[in-house]
Amino acid sequence: MKRLILIRHGETDYSASRRYCGFQDIPLNTRGIRQSHKLKDRLKKIKVDRVYSSNLKRCLETAHIVFNDNLIYERKGLREIDFGSLAGLKYDDLKKKYPGIYKLWEKHPERLKMPKGEFLPAFARRVERCFDEIIKEGRGKAVAIVAHGGSIRIILLKLLKKGLDKMWEIEQNASALTVVDFTRGIPRVSKMNDTTHTRG
């Protein structure tokens, strides 16, 4: 792989209202669609050889808007963490109803298993396995991945050789663009969580 373009899906009603979404198949909202079109304009001169996307609606919609002429390779392994019984809760609701879980998720996410959902290390292994396959398929190519905040964080932690305890050091906003260039296999992040295209 010579270049990796990581894109978090555009805004949804869940992200706008600060709700945990996870495996729930929520579409982009009007603002998310607009963000995706702006990102398409921004990337129109950038060559991309292969495009991969989480198979959830909000990512596929983003991918098809941004890369409309490209074949989109769907990957279930790129899905967000399964929040289980926490899915649909607002961040503030979680803080009030499950303060212990909220504190662990905020301070030590690597120790938390979502009730009826995924354990963070298991989620990380899933995403990393999927990313390893993408690396093999994308040798010498410019690859774009459209995914979720959590799965993009896992990919970046792997590339930067950081542990899961550093997860919250990486910010990922709606429609954010991150670009990683590779020199002799060594990753160099040239853009991180760039959302300048969403302004105005």
Protein backbone atom coordinates (compact mmCIF):
# COMPACT_ATOMS: atom_id res chain seq x y z
CA MET A 1 0.00 0.00 0.00
CA LYS A 2 1.37 3.40 -0.95
CA ARG A 3 -1.42 5.59 0.43
CA LEU A 4 -4.30 5.01 2.81
CA ILE A 5 -7.27 7.37 2.90
CA LEU A 6 -9.48 6.88 5.95
CA ILE A 7 -12.93 8.46 5.95
CA ARG A 8 -15.43 8.46 8.77
CA HIS A 9 -19.01 8.39 7.51
CA GLY A 10 -21.02 11.60 7.41
CA GLU A 11 -23.37 12.77 10.12
CA THR A 12 -26.42 10.72 11.15
CA ASP A 13 -29.29 11.62 13.45
CA TYR A 14 -27.60 9.42 16.05
CA SER A 15 -24.24 11.19 15.89
CA ALA A 16 -25.96 14.60 15.82
CA SER A 17 -27.82 13.77 19.05
CA ARG A 18 -24.75 12.08 20.60
CA ARG A 19 -26.16 8.56 20.71
CA TYR A 20 -24.22 5.31 20.66
CA CYS A 21 -24.95 3.60 17.37
CA GLY A 22 -22.73 0.55 16.89
CA PHE A 23 -24.36 -2.17 14.74
CA GLN A 24 -27.63 -0.25 14.33
CA ASP A 25 -28.08 0.47 10.62
CA ILE A 26 -28.75 4.21 10.66
CA PRO A 27 -28.61 6.22 7.39
CA LEU A 28 -26.95 9.57 6.82
CA ASN A 29 -29.05 12.61 7.63
CA THR A 30 -29.33 15.63 5.32
CA ARG A 31 -26.20 17.23 6.75
CA GLY A 32 -24.28 13.96 6.39
CA ILE A 33 -25.24 13.73 2.72
CA ARG A 34 -24.10 17.32 2.20
CA GLN A 35 -20.80 16.61 3.98
CA SER A 36 -20.20 13.62 1.72
CA HIS A 37 -20.75 15.67 -1.43
CA LYS A 38 -18.28 18.28 -0.16
CA LEU A 39 -15.73 15.56 0.51
CA LYS A 40 -16.31 14.19 -3.00
CA ASP A 41 -15.43 17.63 -4.42
CA ARG A 42 -12.35 17.79 -2.24
CA LEU A 43 -11.04 14.39 -3.35
CA LYS A 44 -11.98 14.55 -7.05
CA LYS A 45 -8.35 14.97 -8.16
CA ILE A 46 -7.00 12.29 -5.83
CA LYS A 47 -6.35 8.90 -7.45
CA VAL A 48 -7.76 5.95 -5.54
CA ASP A 49 -7.31 2.38 -6.76
CA ARG A 50 -9.59 0.50 -4.36
CA VAL A 51 -12.40 1.55 -2.01
CA TYR A 52 -13.47 -0.50 1.00
CA SER A 53 -16.43 0.23 3.25
CA SER A 54 -18.17 -1.08 6.32
CA ASN A 55 -21.35 -2.79 5.16
CA LEU A 56 -23.55 -0.56 7.33
CA LYS A 57 -25.77 1.96 5.55
CA ARG A 58 -24.15 5.17 6.81
CA CYS A 59 -20.74 4.12 5.48
CA LEU A 60 -22.00 2.71 2.18
CA GLU A 61 -23.98 5.88 1.49
CA THR A 62 -20.87 7.98 2.19
CA ALA A 63 -18.68 5.73 0.01
CA HIS A 64 -21.08 5.78 -2.94
CA ILE A 65 -21.37 9.58 -2.84
CA VAL A 66 -17.62 10.23 -2.50
CA PHE A 67 -16.45 7.50 -4.90
CA ASN A 68 -19.43 7.14 -7.22
CA ASP A 69 -17.47 5.65 -10.16
CA ASN A 70 -15.55 3.13 -8.06
CA LEU A 71 -16.50 -0.41 -7.14
CA ILE A 72 -17.07 -0.47 -3.37
CA TYR A 73 -15.79 -3.56 -1.57
CA GLU A 74 -18.02 -4.16 1.46
CA ARG A 75 -16.37 -5.52 4.60
CA LYS A 76 -18.36 -6.57 7.66
CA GLY A 77 -15.10 -6.56 9.65
CA LEU A 78 -14.97 -2.76 9.40
CA ARG A 79 -18.20 -2.30 11.38
CA GLU A 80 -18.26 -0.18 14.52
CA ILE A 81 -18.06 -1.91 17.90
CA ASP A 82 -21.28 -3.66 18.90
CA PHE A 83 -22.61 -1.57 21.79
CA GLY A 84 -25.14 -4.26 22.66
CA SER A 85 -27.78 -3.05 25.10
CA LEU A 86 -26.15 0.41 25.19
CA ALA A 87 -26.97 1.11 21.53
CA GLY A 88 -29.34 4.03 21.11
CA LEU A 89 -28.49 5.61 24.46
CA LYS A 90 -27.33 9.21 24.53
CA TYR A 91 -23.89 9.82 26.03
CA ASP A 92 -25.47 11.71 28.95
CA ASP A 93 -27.97 8.89 29.54
CA LEU A 94 -25.14 6.39 29.83
CA LYS A 95 -23.35 8.68 32.27
CA LYS A 96 -26.45 8.89 34.50
CA LYS A 97 -27.78 5.31 34.24
CA TYR A 98 -24.49 3.39 34.12
CA PRO A 99 -21.83 5.60 35.72
CA GLY A 100 -19.46 2.65 36.26
CA ILE A 101 -19.60 1.63 32.61
CA TYR A 102 -19.25 5.25 31.47
CA LYS A 103 -16.19 5.78 33.65
CA LEU A 104 -14.54 2.58 32.42
CA TRP A 105 -15.31 3.44 28.77
CA GLU A 106 -13.81 6.91 29.28
CA LYS A 107 -10.74 5.94 31.35
CA HIS A 108 -9.95 2.31 30.44
CA PRO A 109 -11.88 1.34 27.28
CA GLU A 110 -9.58 -1.66 26.79
CA ARG A 111 -11.15 -3.30 29.87
CA LEU A 112 -14.80 -2.83 28.93
CA LYS A 113 -17.12 -5.47 27.51
CA MET A 114 -20.32 -3.89 26.27
CA PRO A 115 -23.38 -5.46 27.95
CA LYS A 116 -24.67 -7.98 25.36
CA GLY A 117 -22.09 -6.51 22.98
CA GLU A 118 -18.38 -6.67 22.17
CA PHE A 119 -15.28 -6.66 24.34
CA LEU A 120 -12.98 -3.92 23.00
CA PRO A 121 -9.98 -6.25 22.42
CA ALA A 122 -12.25 -8.61 20.41
CA PHE A 123 -13.48 -5.63 18.37
CA ALA A 124 -9.86 -4.58 17.75
CA ARG A 125 -8.90 -8.09 16.58
CA ARG A 126 -11.85 -8.13 14.17
CA VAL A 127 -10.92 -4.79 12.62
CA GLU A 128 -7.21 -5.63 12.50
CA ARG A 129 -7.87 -8.95 10.71
CA CYS A 130 -9.97 -7.13 8.14
CA PHE A 131 -7.33 -4.42 7.72
CA ASP A 132 -4.57 -7.03 7.27
CA GLU A 133 -6.57 -8.51 4.37
CA ILE A 134 -7.00 -5.05 2.85
CA ILE A 135 -3.24 -4.44 3.12
CA LYS A 136 -2.56 -7.68 1.18
CA GLU A 137 -5.09 -6.80 -1.51
CA GLY A 138 -3.85 -3.21 -1.73
CA ARG A 139 -0.10 -3.77 -2.24
CA GLY A 140 1.34 -0.84 -4.19
CA LYS A 141 -2.06 0.82 -4.41
CA ALA A 142 -3.85 3.89 -3.08
CA VAL A 143 -6.64 2.55 -0.89
CA ALA A 144 -9.63 4.32 0.67
CA ILE A 145 -11.54 2.94 3.65
CA VAL A 146 -14.91 4.37 4.68
CA ALA A 147 -15.72 3.28 8.20
CA HIS A 148 -16.67 4.35 11.73
CA GLY A 149 -14.91 6.36 14.42
CA GLY A 150 -14.06 3.25 16.42
CA SER A 151 -12.77 1.12 13.57
CA ILE A 152 -10.67 3.98 12.16
CA ARG A 153 -9.16 4.51 15.61
CA ILE A 154 -8.21 0.81 15.74
CA ILE A 155 -6.51 1.01 12.32
CA LEU A 156 -4.54 4.09 13.36
CA LEU A 157 -3.52 2.56 16.70
CA LYS A 158 -2.18 -0.44 14.78
CA LEU A 159 -0.26 1.72 12.30
CA LEU A 160 1.14 3.98 15.03
CA LYS A 161 1.93 1.00 17.29
CA LYS A 162 -0.12 2.29 20.20
CA GLY A 163 -2.19 0.28 22.68
CA LEU A 164 -5.96 0.30 23.09
CA ASP A 165 -5.56 2.45 26.20
CA LYS A 166 -4.60 5.30 23.82
CA MET A 167 -7.85 5.06 21.87
CA TRP A 168 -9.22 8.43 22.99
CA GLU A 169 -6.03 10.22 21.92
CA ILE A 170 -7.32 9.87 18.35
CA GLU A 171 -10.28 12.10 17.47
CA GLN A 172 -12.63 11.18 14.60
CA ASN A 173 -15.44 13.58 13.72
CA ALA A 174 -18.24 13.02 11.21
CA SER A 175 -16.93 13.04 7.62
CA ALA A 176 -13.34 13.35 8.88
CA LEU A 177 -10.49 12.70 6.44
CA THR A 178 -7.23 11.06 7.53
CA VAL A 179 -4.40 10.38 5.06
CA VAL A 180 -1.49 8.02 5.68
CA ASP A 181 1.38 7.78 3.17
CA PHE A 182 3.85 4.89 3.22
CA THR A 183 7.57 5.18 2.54
CA ARG A 184 9.32 1.79 2.44
CA GLY A 185 6.42 0.42 4.47
CA ILE A 186 6.69 3.08 7.18
CA PRO A 187 3.42 5.00 7.75
CA ARG A 188 3.43 8.79 7.86
CA VAL A 189 0.21 10.57 8.79
CA SER A 190 -0.12 13.68 6.61
CA LYS A 191 -3.73 14.55 7.57
CA MET A 192 -5.58 13.57 10.73
CA ASN A 193 -9.30 14.10 11.41
CA ASP A 194 -9.43 16.85 8.78
CA THR A 195 -12.93 18.30 8.45
CA THR A 196 -12.15 21.57 6.64
CA HIS A 197 -14.46 20.51 3.76
CA THR A 198 -17.47 20.55 6.13
CA ARG A 199 -17.18 24.24 6.92
CA GLY A 200 -19.14 26.93 5.24
